[in-house]
């Protein structure tokens, strides 16, 4: 009887420990508020890039995670790649820009 109580206590402790570990936050995932904020930033960056006539027809992808914007895709000149990066960095909420745009 005493051994079964000890085993039950150990099992209960293990279950509670697993539950607490499962609830721990991770830097790899976003909360719903962060996801919404990043979606807004992405939309603003895309709109700002689209407003620039020299960038309007280019294949530029925008992704945002915790305010960090990544630009990818293809541009026709180094100047347009730099321009896209500058435009993205000026958008409210952007903390940094990783410019991975490649020349066609």
N, C-alpha and C. Protein backbone atom coordinates (compact mmCIF):
# COMPACT_ATOMS: atom_id res chain seq x y z
N UNK A 1 0.82 -1.19 0.00
CA UNK A 1 0.00 0.00 0.00
C UNK A 1 0.87 1.26 0.00
N UNK A 2 1.93 1.24 0.80
CA UNK A 2 2.80 2.40 0.89
C UNK A 2 3.55 2.58 -0.44
N UNK A 3 3.99 1.47 -1.05
CA UNK A 3 4.70 1.56 -2.32
C UNK A 3 3.79 2.11 -3.41
N UNK A 4 2.54 1.72 -3.43
CA UNK A 4 1.63 2.22 -4.46
C UNK A 4 1.39 3.73 -4.29
N UNK A 5 1.36 4.21 -3.06
CA UNK A 5 1.22 5.66 -2.83
C UNK A 5 2.46 6.40 -3.31
N UNK A 6 3.63 5.83 -3.05
CA UNK A 6 4.86 6.46 -3.52
C UNK A 6 4.90 6.50 -5.05
N UNK A 7 4.48 5.42 -5.66
CA UNK A 7 4.46 5.37 -7.12
C UNK A 7 3.47 6.40 -7.66
N UNK A 8 2.31 6.53 -7.03
CA UNK A 8 1.31 7.51 -7.45
C UNK A 8 1.85 8.93 -7.31
N UNK A 9 2.57 9.21 -6.23
CA UNK A 9 3.16 10.53 -6.04
C UNK A 9 4.19 10.83 -7.12
N UNK A 10 5.01 9.85 -7.42
CA UNK A 10 6.03 10.03 -8.46
C UNK A 10 5.37 10.26 -9.82
N UNK A 11 4.34 9.48 -10.13
CA UNK A 11 3.63 9.66 -11.40
C UNK A 11 2.97 11.03 -11.48
N UNK A 12 2.35 11.46 -10.38
CA UNK A 12 1.71 12.78 -10.35
C UNK A 12 2.74 13.87 -10.55
N UNK A 13 3.88 13.75 -9.89
CA UNK A 13 4.95 14.72 -10.05
C UNK A 13 5.43 14.76 -11.50
N UNK A 14 5.60 13.60 -12.12
CA UNK A 14 6.07 13.54 -13.51
C UNK A 14 5.07 14.19 -14.46
N UNK A 15 3.78 13.95 -14.23
CA UNK A 15 2.75 14.55 -15.08
C UNK A 15 2.74 16.07 -14.92
N UNK A 16 2.82 16.55 -13.68
CA UNK A 16 2.84 18.00 -13.45
C UNK A 16 4.09 18.64 -14.05
N UNK A 17 5.22 17.97 -13.90
CA UNK A 17 6.46 18.49 -14.48
C UNK A 17 6.35 18.59 -16.00
N UNK A 18 5.81 17.57 -16.62
CA UNK A 18 5.63 17.58 -18.08
C UNK A 18 4.69 18.70 -18.50
N UNK A 19 3.64 18.93 -17.72
CA UNK A 19 2.69 20.00 -18.04
C UNK A 19 3.36 21.37 -17.96
N UNK A 20 4.16 21.59 -16.93
CA UNK A 20 4.85 22.87 -16.79
C UNK A 20 5.88 23.09 -17.90
N UNK A 21 6.58 22.05 -18.26
CA UNK A 21 7.56 22.17 -19.35
C UNK A 21 6.85 22.46 -20.66
N UNK A 22 5.72 21.83 -20.87
CA UNK A 22 4.94 22.06 -22.09
C UNK A 22 4.40 23.47 -22.19
N UNK A 23 4.21 24.14 -21.07
CA UNK A 23 3.68 25.50 -21.06
C UNK A 23 4.77 26.56 -21.17
N UNK A 24 6.01 26.16 -21.14
CA UNK A 24 7.10 27.14 -21.20
C UNK A 24 7.09 27.84 -22.55
N UNK A 25 7.42 29.13 -22.52
CA UNK A 25 7.43 29.89 -23.77
C UNK A 25 8.69 29.58 -24.57
N UNK A 26 8.58 29.78 -25.85
CA UNK A 26 9.69 29.53 -26.76
C UNK A 26 9.90 30.75 -27.64
N UNK A 27 11.15 31.09 -27.91
CA UNK A 27 11.45 32.21 -28.79
C UNK A 27 11.20 31.88 -30.25
N UNK A 28 10.98 30.64 -30.57
CA UNK A 28 10.78 30.23 -31.95
C UNK A 28 9.35 30.45 -32.43
N UNK A 29 8.41 30.62 -31.52
CA UNK A 29 7.01 30.78 -31.90
C UNK A 29 6.53 32.17 -31.52
N UNK A 30 5.48 32.60 -32.20
CA UNK A 30 4.90 33.91 -31.94
C UNK A 30 3.58 33.75 -31.20
N UNK A 31 3.26 34.73 -30.38
CA UNK A 31 1.93 34.77 -29.81
C UNK A 31 0.99 35.27 -30.88
N UNK A 32 -0.31 35.18 -30.64
CA UNK A 32 -1.26 35.65 -31.65
C UNK A 32 -1.12 37.15 -31.88
N UNK A 33 -0.80 37.91 -30.84
CA UNK A 33 -0.60 39.35 -30.99
C UNK A 33 0.62 39.65 -31.83
N UNK A 34 1.70 38.90 -31.60
CA UNK A 34 2.92 39.09 -32.39
C UNK A 34 2.67 38.71 -33.85
N UNK A 35 1.90 37.63 -34.05
CA UNK A 35 1.59 37.21 -35.41
C UNK A 35 0.83 38.30 -36.14
N UNK A 36 -0.15 38.91 -35.46
CA UNK A 36 -0.92 40.00 -36.05
C UNK A 36 -0.02 41.18 -36.35
N UNK A 37 0.83 41.57 -35.39
CA UNK A 37 1.75 42.69 -35.60
C UNK A 37 2.66 42.43 -36.79
N UNK A 38 3.19 41.23 -36.89
CA UNK A 38 4.07 40.89 -38.00
C UNK A 38 3.34 40.90 -39.33
N UNK A 39 2.08 40.48 -39.32
CA UNK A 39 1.28 40.53 -40.55
C UNK A 39 1.07 41.96 -41.00
N UNK A 40 0.83 42.85 -40.04
CA UNK A 40 0.65 44.27 -40.36
C UNK A 40 1.94 44.85 -40.92
N UNK A 41 3.06 44.53 -40.29
CA UNK A 41 4.36 45.02 -40.77
C UNK A 41 4.62 44.52 -42.19
N UNK A 42 4.36 43.24 -42.43
CA UNK A 42 4.56 42.67 -43.76
C UNK A 42 3.72 43.41 -44.79
N UNK A 43 2.46 43.65 -44.47
CA UNK A 43 1.57 44.36 -45.40
C UNK A 43 2.06 45.78 -45.66
N UNK A 44 2.52 46.46 -44.62
CA UNK A 44 3.02 47.83 -44.79
C UNK A 44 4.29 47.86 -45.65
N UNK A 45 5.18 46.90 -45.43
CA UNK A 45 6.41 46.85 -46.22
C UNK A 45 6.08 46.56 -47.69
N UNK A 46 5.18 45.60 -47.93
CA UNK A 46 4.79 45.29 -49.31
C UNK A 46 4.17 46.51 -49.98
N UNK A 47 3.30 47.22 -49.26
CA UNK A 47 2.66 48.42 -49.82
C UNK A 47 3.69 49.49 -50.13
N UNK A 48 4.64 49.69 -49.23
CA UNK A 48 5.67 50.72 -49.45
C UNK A 48 6.54 50.37 -50.65
N UNK A 49 6.88 49.10 -50.79
CA UNK A 49 7.69 48.67 -51.94
C UNK A 49 6.88 48.81 -53.23
N UNK A 50 5.61 48.45 -53.19
CA UNK A 50 4.76 48.53 -54.37
C UNK A 50 4.53 49.98 -54.80
N UNK A 51 4.57 50.90 -53.85
CA UNK A 51 4.39 52.32 -54.17
C UNK A 51 5.58 52.90 -54.93
N UNK A 52 6.71 52.24 -54.85
CA UNK A 52 7.90 52.72 -55.57
C UNK A 52 7.84 52.21 -57.01
N UNK A 53 7.78 53.11 -57.97
CA UNK A 53 7.55 52.73 -59.37
C UNK A 53 8.63 51.79 -59.91
N UNK A 54 9.87 51.96 -59.50
CA UNK A 54 10.94 51.11 -60.03
C UNK A 54 10.91 49.69 -59.44
N UNK A 55 10.17 49.49 -58.35
CA UNK A 55 10.10 48.17 -57.70
C UNK A 55 8.77 47.47 -57.95
N UNK A 56 7.81 48.18 -58.49
CA UNK A 56 6.43 47.70 -58.62
C UNK A 56 6.32 46.37 -59.36
N UNK A 57 7.11 46.15 -60.40
CA UNK A 57 6.96 44.96 -61.23
C UNK A 57 7.93 43.84 -60.87
N UNK A 58 8.71 44.01 -59.82
CA UNK A 58 9.72 43.01 -59.46
C UNK A 58 9.14 41.95 -58.53
N UNK A 59 9.81 40.81 -58.48
CA UNK A 59 9.38 39.68 -57.65
C UNK A 59 10.04 39.78 -56.27
N UNK A 60 9.41 40.52 -55.37
CA UNK A 60 9.98 40.71 -54.03
C UNK A 60 9.04 40.09 -53.01
N UNK A 61 9.56 39.14 -52.24
CA UNK A 61 8.80 38.50 -51.17
C UNK A 61 9.20 39.11 -49.84
N UNK A 62 8.22 39.27 -48.95
CA UNK A 62 8.47 39.87 -47.64
C UNK A 62 7.97 38.91 -46.57
N UNK A 63 8.82 38.61 -45.60
CA UNK A 63 8.44 37.81 -44.43
C UNK A 63 8.89 38.56 -43.19
N UNK A 64 8.08 38.48 -42.14
CA UNK A 64 8.40 39.19 -40.89
C UNK A 64 8.26 38.24 -39.72
N UNK A 65 9.24 38.29 -38.80
CA UNK A 65 9.19 37.52 -37.56
C UNK A 65 9.74 38.39 -36.45
N UNK A 66 8.89 38.71 -35.50
CA UNK A 66 9.26 39.55 -34.35
C UNK A 66 9.88 40.88 -34.80
N UNK A 67 9.31 41.47 -35.84
CA UNK A 67 9.75 42.77 -36.32
C UNK A 67 10.93 42.73 -37.27
N UNK A 68 11.53 41.54 -37.43
CA UNK A 68 12.66 41.40 -38.35
C UNK A 68 12.13 41.03 -39.73
N UNK A 69 12.42 41.85 -40.71
CA UNK A 69 11.91 41.66 -42.07
C UNK A 69 12.97 41.00 -42.93
N UNK A 70 12.55 39.99 -43.70
CA UNK A 70 13.44 39.36 -44.67
C UNK A 70 12.87 39.60 -46.06
N UNK A 71 13.69 40.16 -46.92
CA UNK A 71 13.33 40.37 -48.32
C UNK A 71 14.00 39.29 -49.15
N UNK A 72 13.24 38.65 -50.02
CA UNK A 72 13.81 37.65 -50.92
C UNK A 72 13.14 37.81 -52.28
N UNK A 73 13.73 37.19 -53.27
CA UNK A 73 13.19 37.29 -54.63
C UNK A 73 14.23 37.84 -55.57
N UNK A 74 13.75 38.45 -56.66
CA UNK A 74 14.66 38.89 -57.72
C UNK A 74 14.42 40.35 -58.07
N UNK A 75 15.50 41.06 -58.31
CA UNK A 75 15.46 42.45 -58.76
C UNK A 75 16.35 42.58 -59.99
N UNK A 76 16.20 43.71 -60.69
CA UNK A 76 16.95 43.90 -61.92
C UNK A 76 18.26 44.66 -61.74
N UNK A 77 18.49 45.21 -60.55
CA UNK A 77 19.75 45.93 -60.32
C UNK A 77 20.09 45.97 -58.83
N UNK A 78 21.36 46.18 -58.57
CA UNK A 78 21.81 46.30 -57.18
C UNK A 78 21.17 47.51 -56.51
N UNK A 79 20.99 48.58 -57.27
CA UNK A 79 20.37 49.80 -56.73
C UNK A 79 18.94 49.54 -56.26
N UNK A 80 18.19 48.74 -57.03
CA UNK A 80 16.82 48.42 -56.63
C UNK A 80 16.79 47.51 -55.40
N UNK A 81 17.76 46.63 -55.28
CA UNK A 81 17.85 45.78 -54.08
C UNK A 81 18.10 46.65 -52.86
N UNK A 82 19.02 47.61 -52.98
CA UNK A 82 19.32 48.51 -51.87
C UNK A 82 18.13 49.41 -51.55
N UNK A 83 17.43 49.88 -52.60
CA UNK A 83 16.26 50.72 -52.40
C UNK A 83 15.17 49.97 -51.64
N UNK A 84 14.93 48.73 -52.02
CA UNK A 84 13.91 47.92 -51.33
C UNK A 84 14.27 47.76 -49.85
N UNK A 85 15.54 47.54 -49.56
CA UNK A 85 15.99 47.41 -48.17
C UNK A 85 15.79 48.70 -47.39
N UNK A 86 16.12 49.83 -48.01
CA UNK A 86 15.93 51.13 -47.33
C UNK A 86 14.45 51.40 -47.07
N UNK A 87 13.62 51.11 -48.06
CA UNK A 87 12.18 51.34 -47.89
C UNK A 87 11.65 50.47 -46.76
N UNK A 88 12.04 49.20 -46.73
CA UNK A 88 11.58 48.29 -45.68
C UNK A 88 12.02 48.77 -44.30
N UNK A 89 13.24 49.26 -44.20
CA UNK A 89 13.77 49.67 -42.89
C UNK A 89 13.07 50.92 -42.35
N UNK A 90 12.42 51.68 -43.21
CA UNK A 90 11.74 52.90 -42.79
C UNK A 90 10.30 52.67 -42.33
N UNK A 91 9.79 51.46 -42.51
CA UNK A 91 8.42 51.15 -42.11
C UNK A 91 8.35 51.02 -40.59
N UNK A 92 7.31 51.60 -40.02
CA UNK A 92 7.12 51.56 -38.57
C UNK A 92 6.98 50.12 -38.09
N UNK A 93 7.71 49.78 -37.04
CA UNK A 93 7.65 48.44 -36.46
C UNK A 93 8.78 47.53 -36.90
N UNK A 94 9.49 47.91 -37.95
CA UNK A 94 10.60 47.09 -38.45
C UNK A 94 11.82 47.33 -37.56
N UNK A 95 12.36 46.24 -37.01
CA UNK A 95 13.53 46.36 -36.15
C UNK A 95 14.83 46.12 -36.91
N UNK A 96 14.76 45.27 -37.95
CA UNK A 96 15.93 45.03 -38.79
C UNK A 96 15.47 44.45 -40.12
N UNK A 97 16.35 44.53 -41.12
CA UNK A 97 16.03 44.01 -42.45
C UNK A 97 17.16 43.10 -42.90
N UNK A 98 16.80 41.90 -43.31
CA UNK A 98 17.76 40.99 -43.94
C UNK A 98 17.42 41.01 -45.43
N UNK A 99 18.29 41.59 -46.20
CA UNK A 99 18.05 41.76 -47.63
C UNK A 99 18.70 40.60 -48.39
N UNK A 100 17.89 39.64 -48.82
CA UNK A 100 18.39 38.48 -49.56
C UNK A 100 17.95 38.54 -51.02
N UNK A 101 17.73 39.75 -51.54
CA UNK A 101 17.31 39.90 -52.92
C UNK A 101 18.47 39.56 -53.85
N UNK A 102 18.15 38.84 -54.93
CA UNK A 102 19.17 38.42 -55.90
C UNK A 102 18.91 39.11 -57.24
N UNK A 103 19.99 39.31 -57.99
CA UNK A 103 19.86 39.89 -59.32
C UNK A 103 19.40 38.83 -60.31
N UNK A 104 18.53 39.24 -61.24
CA UNK A 104 18.07 38.32 -62.29
C UNK A 104 19.19 38.10 -63.27
